[in-house]
Amino acid sequence: MQLKDKTIAITGGASGIGKAMAIRFAAEGARVVVADLTEEKAQRTAEQIQGLAVACDVTQESDIQNLVRQTEHEIGSLDMFCSNAGIGFGEPDFVTSASNAQWQTSWEVHVMAHVYAARAALPGMIARGSGYFLQTVSAAGLLNQIGDAAYSATKHAALGFAEALAITHGDDGIKVSAICPQYVATPMLGYAENHEAELSEGVITPEQVADTVVEGILAEQFLILPHPVAEKYHQNKAVDYERWLRGMRRLRRDIIAEIGSARPEDMHKLI
């Protein structure tokens, strides 16, 4: 899919990967709608790209329906819905130690928000015979995230929904891509906005993710892997699940022995 003259809505578009994609898509000639929790935050990014800013809480289906309606009313038919909003809480100890509220929020942001987006945008896309869903999943959806079971479990579910969307509606002209990066220099990992200096090995910038995403969209790839090594890890997992689990347990032990915790914002510096 070419991005020039396409209308794209991006949730979580005010910062991090979402902001980088919004800027890059606009540079490719797309008309971009930047959605975030508050319109003020979204407006700061939208002003950089002459885009439209919309307030959107992705846990509220009515907000996502309004995002699609407002996009179509003010710009035109929606060509791509980018479900990018994400959240991570970590876990202080046991795999179940995150609160029920944190588990529920993870489910709503990482899974149901994608369902709401498809429910809102699919009818128009199917009627036109074309449309694209770009979903920020995570390598945690292919592999796992040590130190955050809620994040890992819901990202696995997000990938499963993306697969179902591609299988069910591919013949209707609907394209689907799932972005599965590993560590990215965003506020979720404790990096300040526009932080590029002194990145730990294996950590890439949001702009690098956006570059890979554009390449993946042009090729209409289902899996977009900003960290290509994730495919190797995914294959290793599929070939020998038991060995992969042993390796992940060993990695967790080594991390805790060295830094005393498995907090993603700390341990990514060691991987």
Protein backbone atom coordinates (compact mmCIF):
# COMPACT_ATOMS: atom_id res chain seq x y z
CA MET A 1 0.00 0.00 0.00
CA GLN A 2 1.26 3.45 -0.92
CA LEU A 3 0.79 6.06 1.80
CA LYS A 4 0.53 9.14 -0.41
CA ASP A 5 -2.94 10.71 -0.22
CA LYS A 6 -4.17 8.06 2.22
CA THR A 7 -6.16 8.98 5.34
CA ILE A 8 -4.72 7.40 8.49
CA ALA A 9 -5.89 7.56 12.11
CA ILE A 10 -3.32 6.75 14.81
CA THR A 11 -4.17 6.16 18.46
CA GLY A 12 -1.50 6.92 21.03
CA GLY A 13 -0.20 9.36 18.45
CA ALA A 14 1.04 12.11 20.76
CA SER A 15 4.32 10.47 21.77
CA GLY A 16 6.70 7.57 21.24
CA ILE A 17 6.14 5.20 18.34
CA GLY A 18 2.77 6.73 17.51
CA LYS A 19 4.21 10.23 17.13
CA ALA A 20 7.11 8.93 15.02
CA MET A 21 4.70 7.10 12.71
CA ALA A 22 2.45 10.14 12.43
CA ILE A 23 5.37 12.33 11.36
CA ARG A 24 6.74 9.72 8.95
CA PHE A 25 3.35 8.96 7.38
CA ALA A 26 2.75 12.67 6.83
CA ALA A 27 6.18 12.95 5.18
CA GLU A 28 5.06 10.18 2.82
CA GLY A 29 2.07 12.31 1.81
CA ALA A 30 -0.64 10.83 4.04
CA ARG A 31 -3.38 12.80 5.77
CA VAL A 32 -2.95 11.92 9.44
CA VAL A 33 -5.37 12.06 12.35
CA VAL A 34 -3.55 12.07 15.69
CA ALA A 35 -5.61 10.59 18.53
CA ASP A 36 -4.59 10.55 22.17
CA LEU A 37 -6.13 10.69 25.63
CA THR A 38 -6.36 14.48 25.57
CA GLU A 39 -6.83 16.69 22.54
CA GLU A 40 -4.16 19.07 23.84
CA LYS A 41 -1.49 16.35 23.68
CA ALA A 42 -2.67 15.19 20.28
CA GLN A 43 -2.70 18.76 19.00
CA ARG A 44 1.02 19.24 19.64
CA THR A 45 1.85 16.42 17.24
CA ALA A 46 -0.89 17.31 14.76
CA GLU A 47 0.43 20.87 14.47
CA GLN A 48 3.80 19.54 13.29
CA ILE A 49 2.23 17.72 10.35
CA GLN A 50 -0.85 19.84 9.56
CA GLY A 51 -2.97 16.96 10.80
CA LEU A 52 -6.20 16.65 12.75
CA ALA A 53 -6.16 16.14 16.53
CA VAL A 54 -8.86 14.09 18.27
CA ALA A 55 -9.24 13.19 21.94
CA CYS A 56 -9.67 9.42 22.27
CA ASP A 57 -9.66 7.04 25.22
CA VAL A 58 -9.19 3.70 23.47
CA THR A 59 -10.81 1.81 26.35
CA GLN A 60 -14.10 3.51 25.41
CA GLU A 61 -15.71 2.11 22.29
CA SER A 62 -17.71 5.31 21.82
CA ASP A 63 -14.48 7.32 21.60
CA ILE A 64 -13.13 5.08 18.83
CA GLN A 65 -16.44 5.28 16.96
CA ASN A 66 -16.25 9.06 17.25
CA LEU A 67 -12.65 9.02 15.99
CA VAL A 68 -13.72 7.19 12.82
CA ARG A 69 -16.79 9.42 12.32
CA GLN A 70 -14.83 12.63 12.84
CA THR A 71 -12.06 11.47 10.50
CA GLU A 72 -14.54 10.66 7.74
CA HIS A 73 -16.50 13.87 8.28
CA GLU A 74 -13.51 16.24 8.30
CA ILE A 75 -11.05 14.48 5.98
CA GLY A 76 -12.69 11.64 4.08
CA SER A 77 -12.84 7.86 3.92
CA LEU A 78 -10.50 6.15 6.39
CA ASP A 79 -7.88 4.11 4.56
CA MET A 80 -5.88 2.91 7.58
CA PHE A 81 -6.58 2.59 11.27
CA CYS A 82 -3.41 2.34 13.33
CA SER A 83 -4.11 0.90 16.80
CA ASN A 84 -0.97 1.98 18.57
CA ALA A 85 -1.90 2.92 22.14
CA GLY A 86 -0.17 0.76 24.73
CA ILE A 87 0.54 0.55 28.43
CA GLY A 88 2.82 -1.41 30.76
CA PHE A 89 2.72 -1.78 34.52
CA GLY A 90 5.29 -4.46 35.31
CA GLU A 91 4.92 -6.74 38.29
CA PRO A 92 6.66 -6.36 41.67
CA ASP A 93 7.02 -10.06 42.42
CA PHE A 94 4.83 -13.03 41.48
CA VAL A 95 3.45 -13.50 37.99
CA THR A 96 0.00 -12.61 39.38
CA SER A 97 1.11 -9.65 41.48
CA ALA A 98 -0.22 -6.97 39.14
CA SER A 99 -3.62 -5.81 40.35
CA ASN A 100 -6.90 -6.85 38.78
CA ALA A 101 -7.37 -3.26 37.63
CA GLN A 102 -3.99 -3.34 35.86
CA TRP A 103 -4.83 -6.62 34.16
CA GLN A 104 -8.19 -5.22 33.05
CA THR A 105 -6.64 -2.02 31.71
CA SER A 106 -4.04 -4.03 29.80
CA TRP A 107 -6.82 -6.11 28.27
CA GLU A 108 -8.85 -3.06 27.29
CA VAL A 109 -5.92 -1.14 25.78
CA HIS A 110 -4.11 -4.01 24.04
CA VAL A 111 -7.04 -6.13 22.87
CA MET A 112 -10.48 -4.57 23.07
CA ALA A 113 -9.26 -1.28 21.57
CA HIS A 114 -8.28 -3.25 18.44
CA VAL A 115 -11.68 -4.93 18.41
CA TYR A 116 -13.43 -1.56 18.74
CA ALA A 117 -11.34 -0.14 15.89
CA ALA A 118 -12.24 -3.00 13.58
CA ARG A 119 -15.90 -2.80 14.54
CA ALA A 120 -15.97 0.92 13.74
CA ALA A 121 -13.90 0.94 10.56
CA LEU A 122 -14.57 -2.42 8.89
CA PRO A 123 -18.04 -1.74 7.44
CA GLY A 124 -16.86 1.26 5.41
CA MET A 125 -13.66 -0.45 4.34
CA ILE A 126 -15.47 -3.59 3.20
CA ALA A 127 -18.01 -1.49 1.30
CA ARG A 128 -15.14 0.24 -0.53
CA GLY A 129 -13.27 -3.04 -1.07
CA SER A 130 -10.08 -1.85 0.63
CA GLY A 131 -8.68 -0.90 4.01
CA TYR A 132 -5.72 -1.42 6.29
CA PHE A 133 -5.35 -2.18 9.99
CA LEU A 134 -1.91 -1.46 11.41
CA GLN A 135 -1.60 -2.77 14.95
CA THR A 136 1.28 -2.13 17.33
CA VAL A 137 1.65 -5.47 19.09
CA SER A 138 5.21 -6.13 20.41
CA ALA A 139 7.75 -8.91 20.28
CA ALA A 140 6.15 -9.85 23.61
CA GLY A 141 3.23 -11.12 21.54
CA LEU A 142 5.56 -13.49 19.68
CA LEU A 143 7.82 -14.32 22.60
CA ASN A 144 7.21 -13.00 26.11
CA GLN A 145 8.12 -10.08 28.35
CA ILE A 146 9.95 -11.09 31.50
CA GLY A 147 8.60 -9.04 34.38
CA ASP A 148 5.16 -8.21 32.99
CA ALA A 149 2.73 -11.09 32.57
CA ALA A 150 -0.25 -8.82 31.90
CA TYR A 151 1.61 -7.12 29.07
CA SER A 152 2.74 -10.44 27.58
CA ALA A 153 -0.63 -12.17 27.82
CA THR A 154 -2.58 -9.31 26.28
CA LYS A 155 -0.02 -8.80 23.52
CA HIS A 156 -0.37 -12.49 22.64
CA ALA A 157 -4.12 -11.91 22.43
CA ALA A 158 -3.59 -8.83 20.27
CA LEU A 159 -1.57 -10.87 17.79
CA GLY A 160 -4.26 -13.54 17.77
CA PHE A 161 -6.90 -10.95 16.94
CA ALA A 162 -4.73 -9.50 14.17
CA GLU A 163 -4.40 -12.99 12.67
CA ALA A 164 -8.18 -13.50 12.87
CA LEU A 165 -8.79 -10.14 11.21
CA ALA A 166 -6.42 -11.01 8.35
CA ILE A 167 -7.89 -14.49 7.89
CA THR A 168 -11.53 -13.45 8.04
CA HIS A 169 -11.39 -10.29 5.93
CA GLY A 170 -8.41 -10.71 3.62
CA ASP A 171 -10.77 -11.69 0.82
CA ASP A 172 -12.71 -8.46 1.43
CA GLY A 173 -9.66 -6.40 0.47
CA ILE A 174 -8.58 -5.76 4.07
CA LYS A 175 -4.85 -5.73 4.83
CA VAL A 176 -3.42 -6.24 8.31
CA SER A 177 0.05 -5.65 9.72
CA ALA A 178 1.24 -6.37 13.25
CA ILE A 179 4.26 -4.36 14.42
CA CYS A 180 6.37 -6.44 16.82
CA PRO A 181 9.38 -4.47 18.08
CA GLN A 182 11.52 -5.38 21.05
CA TYR A 183 12.93 -2.51 23.12
CA VAL A 184 12.24 1.02 21.86
CA ALA A 185 13.41 4.29 23.47
CA THR A 186 10.02 5.53 24.66
CA PRO A 187 8.69 6.86 27.98
CA MET A 188 7.47 3.32 28.76
CA LEU A 189 11.13 2.34 29.21
CA GLY A 190 12.00 5.56 30.97
CA TYR A 191 13.45 7.41 27.97
CA ALA A 192 12.63 11.06 27.53
CA GLU A 193 10.96 12.23 24.34
CA ASN A 194 13.43 12.56 21.45
CA HIS A 195 16.09 10.71 23.44
CA GLU A 196 18.63 9.25 21.06
CA ALA A 197 21.97 9.45 22.88
CA GLU A 198 23.44 6.63 24.91
CA LEU A 199 20.88 4.02 23.97
CA SER A 200 21.54 0.56 25.33
CA GLU A 201 22.46 -2.13 22.83
CA GLY A 202 19.37 -3.50 21.12
CA VAL A 203 17.29 -0.41 21.89
CA ILE A 204 16.14 1.51 18.81
CA THR A 205 14.45 4.87 18.38
CA PRO A 206 10.77 5.37 17.54
CA GLU A 207 11.92 6.88 14.24
CA GLN A 208 13.71 3.65 13.35
CA VAL A 209 10.49 1.76 14.08
CA ALA A 210 8.57 4.14 11.80
CA ASP A 211 11.06 3.57 8.98
CA THR A 212 10.60 -0.20 9.24
CA VAL A 213 6.83 0.20 9.40
CA VAL A 214 6.73 2.18 6.15
CA GLU A 215 8.76 -0.55 4.44
CA GLY A 216 6.38 -3.20 5.81
CA ILE A 217 3.28 -1.33 4.68
CA LEU A 218 4.66 -0.91 1.17
CA ALA A 219 5.24 -4.67 1.07
CA GLU A 220 1.92 -5.37 2.86
CA GLN A 221 3.67 -7.70 5.30
CA PHE A 222 1.65 -9.15 8.15
CA LEU A 223 4.57 -9.26 10.60
CA ILE A 224 6.67 -6.11 10.77
CA LEU A 225 9.82 -6.71 12.81
CA PRO A 226 11.86 -3.57 13.59
CA HIS A 227 14.26 -5.95 15.40
CA PRO A 228 14.86 -8.68 12.78
CA VAL A 229 16.43 -10.95 15.42
CA ALA A 230 12.94 -11.43 16.87
CA GLU A 231 12.18 -13.77 13.97
CA LYS A 232 15.12 -15.98 14.95
CA TYR A 233 13.90 -16.10 18.55
CA HIS A 234 10.38 -16.88 17.36
CA GLN A 235 11.64 -19.78 15.25
CA ASN A 236 13.71 -21.11 18.15
CA LYS A 237 10.61 -21.06 20.32
CA ALA A 238 8.60 -22.96 17.71
CA VAL A 239 11.28 -25.58 17.09
CA ASP A 240 11.95 -26.46 20.74
CA TYR A 241 9.50 -24.98 23.22
CA GLU A 242 11.08 -26.68 26.25
CA ARG A 243 14.55 -25.39 25.41
CA TRP A 244 13.16 -21.90 24.85
CA LEU A 245 11.43 -21.92 28.25
CA ARG A 246 14.61 -23.08 29.96
CA GLY A 247 16.53 -20.31 28.27
CA MET A 248 14.00 -17.68 29.35
CA ARG A 249 14.11 -18.93 32.95
CA ARG A 250 17.90 -18.75 32.89
CA LEU A 251 17.77 -15.23 31.46
CA ARG A 252 15.38 -14.13 34.21
CA ARG A 253 17.63 -15.62 36.92
CA ASP A 254 20.70 -13.89 35.50
CA ILE A 255 18.94 -10.54 35.30
CA ILE A 256 17.67 -10.70 38.88
CA ALA A 257 21.07 -11.81 40.13
CA GLU A 258 22.71 -8.79 38.51
CA ILE A 259 20.24 -5.97 39.17
CA GLY A 260 17.87 -7.41 41.77
CA SER A 261 14.65 -7.10 39.76
CA ALA A 262 12.99 -7.91 36.46
CA ARG A 263 11.53 -4.47 35.84
CA PRO A 264 11.48 -4.00 32.03
CA GLU A 265 12.73 -0.42 32.31
CA ASP A 266 15.83 -1.71 34.16
CA MET A 267 16.55 -5.09 32.66
CA HIS A 268 16.46 -4.01 29.01
CA LYS A 269 19.87 -2.42 29.60
CA LEU A 270 21.36 -5.87 30.16
CA ILE A 271 19.88 -7.71 27.17
